[in-house]
Amino acid sequence: MRLVGVGIIVFLLATNGLAQDFGGGIQDYDDSLDANEDIPPSWRAHDKNLYRDASPKKTGRSSSSWYIPRFAIGAGLNVPELVPFEAYALFGKYFAIRSFYTPILPFNVRIEMPADVISTKKGIGVANPDFTIRMKAEYGAHYGAEAMIFPFGQSFFIAGGGSYRRMRLQGAAQSPILVCSLIEAAKDPPCADPSTRLQTQTELGIAADATTTAILGRAAIGGFWHIGRYGYFMMNLGYTKPLRIRRDVDIETTVDGPSSTDQDISGAIAEVKSEREVELEKKALQEMRPVEEKPLPIFGIAVGVRL
């Protein structure tokens, strides 16, 4: 029994010594490997750089979230809105709403009235010479909204919607009334020879006020691109068509001058007022019709900020 116990003790002491020698050898081997500069870094067991997270860090704004921020405002140059102010609300990657407003823009319009025979009665012709009606025009206000669909979830969009447009013409003019024989009135221009006219010293006053409003349908395609962190650039191309038009034309004429004792002349001049009103109303509608009834293209650009 004593021999067995002594043998166990000797075995334990021997194995303990071998373990220490072997462990120290491993540690020395590892340290020698890391100290050797010729060994590639990827082979070094104690290189802490191998355990660092090399994956890209996520930023606050994802590159795919191009529609963030979700609101934008800006201004542009456009046909037919001319100078619209606009606002956007973006709902995700595929849908947005655009609204726009164009304030009243003033400009001038000239309506040329050629020399013409106004009326004839009992051998007397009443005519007016060439004259010009200078009118002040107002384009606007013009406003509307459209839905924008981004089919690919990127900048390209297809849009459709409606808008309201208003135009107004206001003006006044004075024109002398020429009274002559039917022979002189039949010439071109009528009553051109001053020696053949009957002197009445009468003038025709004209005041016009014409307003037209229209509801338009619109469709367009375009692109909505980001500029920097908070800017944007928009371009669109499309078509707009009037769907409903309303006109309100008010023409008033006055005849200013001394009364004539000749009943024929007085009667002929009296007809001028009603005939001129009808003719000028038609003329005003003719001047406005090409703008209000004609389908117009949409082409424009805009810039602004995203909020």
Protein backbone atom coordinates (compact mmCIF):
# COMPACT_ATOMS: atom_id res chain seq x y z
CA MET A 1 0.00 0.00 0.00
CA ARG A 2 2.81 2.34 0.80
CA LEU A 3 4.35 1.69 -2.61
CA VAL A 4 1.04 2.50 -4.32
CA GLY A 5 0.62 5.77 -2.45
CA VAL A 6 4.16 6.84 -3.21
CA GLY A 7 3.62 6.03 -6.89
CA ILE A 8 0.44 8.18 -7.05
CA ILE A 9 2.21 11.12 -5.45
CA VAL A 10 5.14 10.84 -7.85
CA PHE A 11 2.73 10.64 -10.82
CA LEU A 12 0.85 13.79 -9.79
CA LEU A 13 4.04 15.74 -9.26
CA ALA A 14 5.37 14.67 -12.63
CA THR A 15 2.23 15.59 -14.57
CA ASN A 16 2.01 18.98 -12.85
CA GLY A 17 5.49 19.84 -13.93
CA LEU A 18 4.87 18.80 -17.50
CA ALA A 19 1.74 20.95 -17.66
CA GLN A 20 3.62 24.01 -16.46
CA ASP A 21 6.41 23.45 -18.96
CA PHE A 22 3.92 22.92 -21.81
CA GLY A 23 1.79 25.98 -20.94
CA GLY A 24 4.77 28.21 -20.68
CA GLY A 25 5.88 26.95 -24.02
CA ILE A 26 2.57 27.90 -25.62
CA GLN A 27 2.65 31.33 -24.07
CA ASP A 28 6.20 31.87 -25.22
CA TYR A 29 5.27 30.65 -28.67
CA ASP A 30 2.31 33.01 -28.95
CA ASP A 31 4.32 35.97 -27.75
CA SER A 32 7.11 35.19 -30.14
CA LEU A 33 4.67 35.03 -33.03
CA ASP A 34 3.13 38.42 -32.19
CA ALA A 35 6.57 39.95 -31.73
CA ASN A 36 7.72 38.77 -35.15
CA GLU A 37 7.09 41.63 -37.59
CA ASP A 38 7.40 39.31 -40.56
CA ILE A 39 4.18 37.50 -39.72
CA PRO A 40 1.08 38.94 -41.46
CA PRO A 41 -1.28 40.88 -39.12
CA SER A 42 -4.15 38.51 -39.88
CA TRP A 43 -2.11 35.63 -38.34
CA ARG A 44 -1.43 37.37 -35.05
CA ALA A 45 -3.50 35.92 -32.24
CA HIS A 46 -3.46 39.06 -30.06
CA ASP A 47 -4.18 41.72 -32.75
CA LYS A 48 -7.21 43.63 -31.38
CA ASN A 49 -7.83 45.31 -34.75
CA LEU A 50 -9.08 41.96 -36.05
CA TYR A 51 -12.08 42.10 -33.70
CA ARG A 52 -13.28 45.64 -34.49
CA ASP A 53 -16.67 46.09 -36.19
CA ALA A 54 -15.87 47.13 -39.75
CA SER A 55 -19.50 47.34 -40.89
CA PRO A 56 -20.64 50.82 -42.12
CA LYS A 57 -22.33 52.97 -39.53
CA LYS A 58 -25.94 53.94 -40.17
CA THR A 59 -26.61 57.63 -40.56
CA GLY A 60 -29.69 59.44 -39.39
CA ARG A 61 -31.15 59.66 -42.94
CA SER A 62 -31.31 56.59 -45.13
CA SER A 63 -30.23 57.06 -48.74
CA SER A 64 -33.44 55.40 -49.90
CA SER A 65 -35.62 57.88 -48.00
CA TRP A 66 -35.40 60.57 -50.69
CA TYR A 67 -38.88 61.83 -49.76
CA ILE A 68 -37.68 63.05 -46.34
CA PRO A 69 -38.29 65.87 -45.35
CA ARG A 70 -41.94 65.40 -46.22
CA PHE A 71 -42.79 69.05 -47.03
CA ALA A 72 -41.35 71.55 -49.52
CA ILE A 73 -42.10 75.09 -50.71
CA GLY A 74 -40.75 77.03 -53.67
CA ALA A 75 -41.38 79.18 -56.73
CA GLY A 76 -40.88 78.77 -60.44
CA LEU A 77 -41.43 79.84 -64.02
CA ASN A 78 -44.20 77.97 -65.77
CA VAL A 79 -46.68 77.90 -68.62
CA PRO A 80 -49.57 78.58 -68.20
CA GLU A 81 -49.21 79.67 -64.55
CA LEU A 82 -46.31 82.03 -65.39
CA VAL A 83 -44.90 82.66 -61.89
CA PRO A 84 -46.40 80.14 -59.45
CA PHE A 85 -45.66 79.69 -55.78
CA GLU A 86 -45.91 76.03 -54.85
CA ALA A 87 -45.98 73.62 -51.92
CA TYR A 88 -45.54 69.86 -51.65
CA ALA A 89 -46.60 67.21 -49.18
CA LEU A 90 -44.91 63.82 -49.70
CA PHE A 91 -46.56 60.66 -48.38
CA GLY A 92 -43.95 57.93 -48.59
CA LYS A 93 -41.92 56.97 -51.63
CA TYR A 94 -44.71 56.76 -54.20
CA PHE A 95 -47.23 59.58 -53.64
CA ALA A 96 -47.27 63.36 -53.14
CA ILE A 97 -49.61 66.32 -53.51
CA ARG A 98 -48.56 69.59 -55.15
CA SER A 99 -50.52 72.82 -54.80
CA PHE A 100 -49.73 76.14 -56.48
CA TYR A 101 -50.90 79.74 -56.54
CA THR A 102 -50.21 82.52 -59.04
CA PRO A 103 -51.10 86.06 -57.91
CA ILE A 104 -52.71 88.60 -60.21
CA LEU A 105 -50.33 89.66 -62.97
CA PRO A 106 -51.19 92.93 -64.79
CA PHE A 107 -50.42 93.66 -68.44
CA ASN A 108 -51.76 95.88 -71.24
CA VAL A 109 -53.90 94.93 -74.25
CA ARG A 110 -54.65 97.06 -77.31
CA ILE A 111 -57.80 96.44 -79.35
CA GLU A 112 -57.72 98.05 -82.77
CA MET A 113 -61.09 99.25 -84.05
CA PRO A 114 -60.98 99.87 -87.82
CA ALA A 115 -62.92 102.64 -89.56
CA ASP A 116 -66.42 101.35 -90.21
CA VAL A 117 -69.96 102.43 -91.02
CA ILE A 118 -72.04 102.20 -87.88
CA SER A 119 -75.48 102.78 -89.37
CA THR A 120 -77.35 104.24 -92.31
CA LYS A 121 -80.71 105.95 -92.23
CA LYS A 122 -82.57 108.05 -94.80
CA GLY A 123 -79.55 108.73 -96.97
CA ILE A 124 -77.21 109.50 -94.06
CA GLY A 125 -74.25 107.36 -93.02
CA VAL A 126 -72.72 107.36 -89.53
CA ALA A 127 -69.17 106.01 -89.23
CA ASN A 128 -66.25 105.96 -86.89
CA PRO A 129 -62.59 106.47 -87.85
CA ASP A 130 -59.78 104.13 -86.83
CA PHE A 131 -59.24 104.19 -83.09
CA THR A 132 -57.65 102.09 -80.39
CA ILE A 133 -59.09 100.83 -77.11
CA ARG A 134 -56.33 100.51 -74.55
CA MET A 135 -57.25 97.98 -71.91
CA LYS A 136 -55.68 96.89 -68.67
CA ALA A 137 -55.63 93.14 -68.35
CA GLU A 138 -55.29 90.96 -65.26
CA TYR A 139 -54.13 87.36 -65.47
CA GLY A 140 -54.98 85.52 -62.28
CA ALA A 141 -55.45 84.64 -59.68
CA HIS A 142 -54.60 81.11 -60.86
CA TYR A 143 -54.46 78.23 -58.40
CA GLY A 144 -54.82 74.47 -58.34
CA ALA A 145 -53.61 71.12 -57.04
CA GLU A 146 -52.44 67.85 -58.49
CA ALA A 147 -51.59 64.37 -57.31
CA MET A 148 -48.08 63.09 -58.05
CA ILE A 149 -47.29 59.40 -58.38
CA PHE A 150 -43.66 58.20 -58.28
CA PRO A 151 -43.96 54.78 -59.96
CA PHE A 152 -40.32 53.80 -59.33
CA GLY A 153 -40.02 55.29 -55.87
CA GLN A 154 -37.49 57.83 -57.18
CA SER A 155 -37.54 61.32 -58.71
CA PHE A 156 -39.64 60.60 -61.83
CA PHE A 157 -43.35 61.36 -61.39
CA ILE A 158 -46.69 61.32 -63.22
CA ALA A 159 -49.16 64.02 -62.17
CA GLY A 160 -52.80 64.88 -62.75
CA GLY A 161 -55.22 67.40 -61.26
CA GLY A 162 -57.18 70.57 -61.85
CA SER A 163 -56.87 74.35 -61.59
CA TYR A 164 -58.89 77.56 -61.62
CA ARG A 165 -57.97 80.50 -63.85
CA ARG A 166 -59.32 84.06 -64.06
CA MET A 167 -58.73 86.82 -66.60
CA ARG A 168 -60.11 90.33 -66.71
CA LEU A 169 -60.01 93.16 -69.30
CA GLN A 170 -60.91 96.75 -68.46
CA GLY A 171 -60.62 99.78 -70.72
CA ALA A 172 -62.16 102.92 -72.14
CA ALA A 173 -61.84 105.03 -75.29
CA GLN A 174 -63.29 108.06 -77.07
CA SER A 175 -63.92 108.22 -80.82
CA PRO A 176 -65.45 110.97 -82.95
CA ILE A 177 -68.63 110.16 -84.89
CA LEU A 178 -68.48 110.92 -88.61
CA VAL A 179 -71.72 111.79 -90.41
CA CYS A 180 -71.77 111.94 -94.20
CA SER A 181 -73.79 110.92 -97.24
CA LEU A 182 -74.27 107.29 -98.18
CA ILE A 183 -71.99 107.82 -101.19
CA GLU A 184 -69.13 108.93 -98.93
CA ALA A 185 -69.97 106.26 -96.35
CA ALA A 186 -69.59 103.55 -99.00
CA LYS A 187 -66.00 104.53 -99.67
CA ASP A 188 -63.04 102.94 -97.93
CA PRO A 189 -62.41 104.38 -95.43
CA PRO A 190 -65.91 105.78 -94.87
CA CYS A 191 -66.47 109.53 -94.57
CA ALA A 192 -62.75 110.15 -95.12
CA ASP A 193 -63.10 113.53 -96.83
CA PRO A 194 -63.58 116.24 -94.18
CA SER A 195 -65.23 118.57 -96.71
CA THR A 196 -68.10 116.13 -97.20
CA ARG A 197 -68.85 115.48 -93.53
CA LEU A 198 -71.67 116.98 -91.56
CA GLN A 199 -70.14 118.67 -88.54
CA THR A 200 -71.86 117.29 -85.42
CA GLN A 201 -69.01 117.58 -82.87
CA THR A 202 -70.20 114.32 -81.37
CA GLU A 203 -68.01 111.67 -79.77
CA LEU A 204 -68.63 108.07 -78.90
CA GLY A 205 -67.45 106.99 -75.45
CA ILE A 206 -66.76 103.33 -74.79
CA ALA A 207 -66.16 101.57 -71.44
CA ALA A 208 -65.54 97.82 -71.35
CA ASP A 209 -65.20 95.34 -68.49
CA ALA A 210 -64.85 91.66 -69.44
CA THR A 211 -64.10 88.80 -67.05
CA THR A 212 -63.67 85.14 -67.86
CA THR A 213 -63.07 82.23 -65.51
CA ALA A 214 -62.23 78.64 -66.36
CA ILE A 215 -61.81 75.25 -64.72
CA LEU A 216 -58.96 73.32 -66.31
CA GLY A 217 -57.86 69.71 -66.24
CA ARG A 218 -54.13 69.05 -66.30
CA ALA A 219 -51.74 66.12 -66.73
CA ALA A 220 -47.95 66.11 -66.69
CA ILE A 221 -44.76 64.14 -66.20
CA GLY A 222 -41.55 65.38 -64.68
CA GLY A 223 -38.80 65.00 -62.12
CA PHE A 224 -38.30 66.10 -58.52
CA TRP A 225 -34.59 66.17 -57.60
CA HIS A 226 -32.80 67.07 -54.39
CA ILE A 227 -30.20 69.83 -54.29
CA GLY A 228 -27.89 69.52 -51.32
CA ARG A 229 -29.40 68.73 -47.96
CA TYR A 230 -32.54 70.88 -48.06
CA GLY A 231 -33.02 72.16 -51.63
CA TYR A 232 -34.95 70.76 -54.59
CA PHE A 233 -35.36 71.29 -58.33
CA MET A 234 -38.53 70.36 -60.22
CA MET A 235 -39.26 70.24 -63.94
CA ASN A 236 -42.57 69.23 -65.53
CA LEU A 237 -43.99 68.85 -69.03
CA GLY A 238 -47.65 68.24 -69.84
CA TYR A 239 -50.99 69.48 -71.10
CA THR A 240 -53.89 71.56 -69.77
CA LYS A 241 -57.39 71.76 -71.23
CA PRO A 242 -60.31 74.06 -70.29
CA LEU A 243 -63.27 72.04 -69.03
CA ARG A 244 -65.74 74.78 -68.10
CA ILE A 245 -65.66 78.46 -69.06
CA ARG A 246 -67.75 81.35 -67.78
CA ARG A 247 -67.77 84.83 -69.33
CA ASP A 248 -69.09 88.12 -68.02
CA VAL A 249 -68.83 91.03 -70.47
CA ASP A 250 -70.13 94.53 -69.71
CA ILE A 251 -69.89 97.14 -72.50
CA GLU A 252 -71.28 100.66 -72.07
CA THR A 253 -71.32 103.37 -74.73
CA THR A 254 -72.16 107.03 -74.48
CA VAL A 255 -72.80 109.65 -77.15
CA ASP A 256 -71.50 113.07 -76.15
CA GLY A 257 -72.27 116.16 -78.23
CA PRO A 258 -74.80 118.87 -78.99
CA SER A 259 -78.25 117.76 -80.08
CA SER A 260 -79.06 118.16 -83.75
CA THR A 261 -82.20 119.73 -85.09
CA ASP A 262 -82.09 117.34 -88.04
CA GLN A 263 -84.24 114.37 -87.06
CA ASP A 264 -82.47 112.07 -89.52
CA ILE A 265 -79.08 112.83 -88.04
CA SER A 266 -80.40 112.50 -84.49
CA GLY A 267 -82.00 109.15 -85.29
CA ALA A 268 -78.84 107.81 -86.93
CA ILE A 269 -76.68 108.83 -83.99
CA ALA A 270 -79.14 107.25 -81.55
CA GLU A 271 -78.59 103.88 -83.22
CA VAL A 272 -74.86 104.11 -82.61
CA LYS A 273 -75.09 103.37 -78.89
CA SER A 274 -76.80 99.98 -79.09
CA GLU A 275 -74.94 98.82 -82.20
CA ARG A 276 -71.54 99.70 -80.78
CA GLU A 277 -72.24 97.85 -77.54
CA VAL A 278 -73.07 94.63 -79.38
CA GLU A 279 -70.08 94.93 -81.69
CA LEU A 280 -67.62 95.69 -78.92
CA GLU A 281 -68.90 92.81 -76.82
CA LYS A 282 -68.21 90.45 -79.72
CA LYS A 283 -64.80 92.04 -80.19
CA ALA A 284 -63.87 91.58 -76.53
CA LEU A 285 -64.93 87.93 -76.59
CA GLN A 286 -62.96 87.42 -79.79
CA GLU A 287 -59.82 88.79 -78.16
CA MET A 288 -60.22 86.61 -75.09
CA ARG A 289 -61.29 83.37 -76.77
CA PRO A 290 -57.86 82.27 -78.07
CA VAL A 291 -56.48 82.37 -74.53
CA GLU A 292 -59.42 80.98 -72.59
CA GLU A 293 -60.48 78.14 -74.91
CA LYS A 294 -57.20 76.95 -76.38
CA PRO A 295 -55.54 73.91 -74.76
CA LEU A 296 -52.12 74.97 -73.54
CA PRO A 297 -48.93 73.00 -72.89
CA ILE A 298 -47.43 72.74 -69.43
CA PHE A 299 -43.73 73.40 -69.22
CA GLY A 300 -41.95 74.78 -66.24
CA ILE A 301 -39.21 74.65 -63.69
CA ALA A 302 -39.17 75.40 -59.97
CA VAL A 303 -36.72 75.54 -57.10
CA GLY A 304 -37.27 75.62 -53.37
CA VAL A 305 -36.47 74.22 -49.96
CA ARG A 306 -37.50 71.02 -48.21
CA LEU A 307 -38.75 71.50 -44.68
